[in-house]
Amino acid sequence: MEETIRIMCPNLLCRKVLGVPSSARGKTVRCKGCSTAIRIPEKATDPADAAAKPAANAKKPA
């Protein structure tokens, strides 16, 4: 069974939560509530991975 991605409409007057299939990654879908175009991210980012990697432009200790 295909995984469903839940994403919130960015339109502040709508904010509807949409369920889209994982096959929609990298594509643009329309909100059923307000017809706003929403780009589905290619890959979900893992917050633990982001915290473990230091920022590229961070200052190095002297």
Protein backbone atom coordinates (compact mmCIF):
# COMPACT_ATOMS: atom_id res chain seq x y z
CA MET A 1 0.00 0.00 0.00
CA GLU A 2 1.30 3.44 -0.92
CA GLU A 3 2.32 5.85 1.83
CA THR A 4 0.25 9.01 2.28
CA ILE A 5 1.90 12.38 2.85
CA ARG A 6 -0.02 14.87 4.98
CA ILE A 7 0.61 18.50 4.12
CA MET A 8 -1.10 21.72 5.19
CA CYS A 9 -2.26 24.28 2.66
CA PRO A 10 -0.03 27.38 2.92
CA ASN A 11 -2.97 29.71 2.28
CA LEU A 12 -3.62 31.41 5.63
CA LEU A 13 -7.34 31.62 4.93
CA CYS A 14 -7.60 27.89 4.16
CA ARG A 15 -5.04 25.83 6.15
CA LYS A 16 -6.71 22.59 5.04
CA VAL A 17 -4.71 19.41 5.71
CA LEU A 18 -4.33 17.36 2.55
CA GLY A 19 -3.41 13.72 2.19
CA VAL A 20 -1.48 13.05 -1.02
CA PRO A 21 0.16 9.82 -2.21
CA SER A 22 3.94 9.55 -1.91
CA SER A 23 4.08 9.30 -5.71
CA ALA A 24 3.27 13.04 -5.72
CA ARG A 25 6.74 13.90 -4.33
CA GLY A 26 8.37 16.60 -6.43
CA LYS A 27 5.09 17.51 -8.09
CA THR A 28 2.63 20.35 -7.65
CA VAL A 29 -0.89 19.64 -6.44
CA ARG A 30 -3.91 21.87 -5.93
CA CYS A 31 -5.65 22.32 -2.60
CA LYS A 32 -9.21 21.01 -2.75
CA GLY A 33 -10.36 23.80 -0.44
CA CYS A 34 -8.98 26.90 -2.17
CA SER A 35 -7.16 25.72 -5.34
CA THR A 36 -3.77 27.02 -4.15
CA ALA A 37 -0.86 25.28 -5.90
CA ILE A 38 1.29 23.36 -3.40
CA ARG A 39 4.67 21.82 -4.25
CA ILE A 40 5.20 18.49 -2.51
CA PRO A 41 8.81 18.15 -1.23
CA GLU A 42 11.07 15.54 -2.86
CA LYS A 43 12.09 13.90 0.41
CA ALA A 44 11.12 14.43 4.01
CA THR A 45 13.94 15.83 6.13
CA ASP A 46 14.78 14.10 9.38
CA PRO A 47 15.14 16.68 12.19
CA ALA A 48 17.70 14.45 13.94
CA ASP A 49 19.93 14.42 10.85
CA ALA A 50 19.67 18.19 10.45
CA ALA A 51 20.67 18.76 14.08
CA ALA A 52 23.64 16.40 13.83
CA LYS A 53 25.18 18.18 10.84
CA PRO A 54 26.91 21.49 11.59
CA ALA A 55 25.96 24.45 9.44
CA ALA A 56 28.26 24.99 6.47
CA ASN A 57 28.69 28.68 7.22
CA ALA A 58 29.13 28.31 10.98
CA LYS A 59 32.17 29.97 12.52
CA LYS A 60 35.05 27.65 13.28
CA PRO A 61 36.57 27.83 16.76
CA ALA A 62 39.90 29.66 16.87
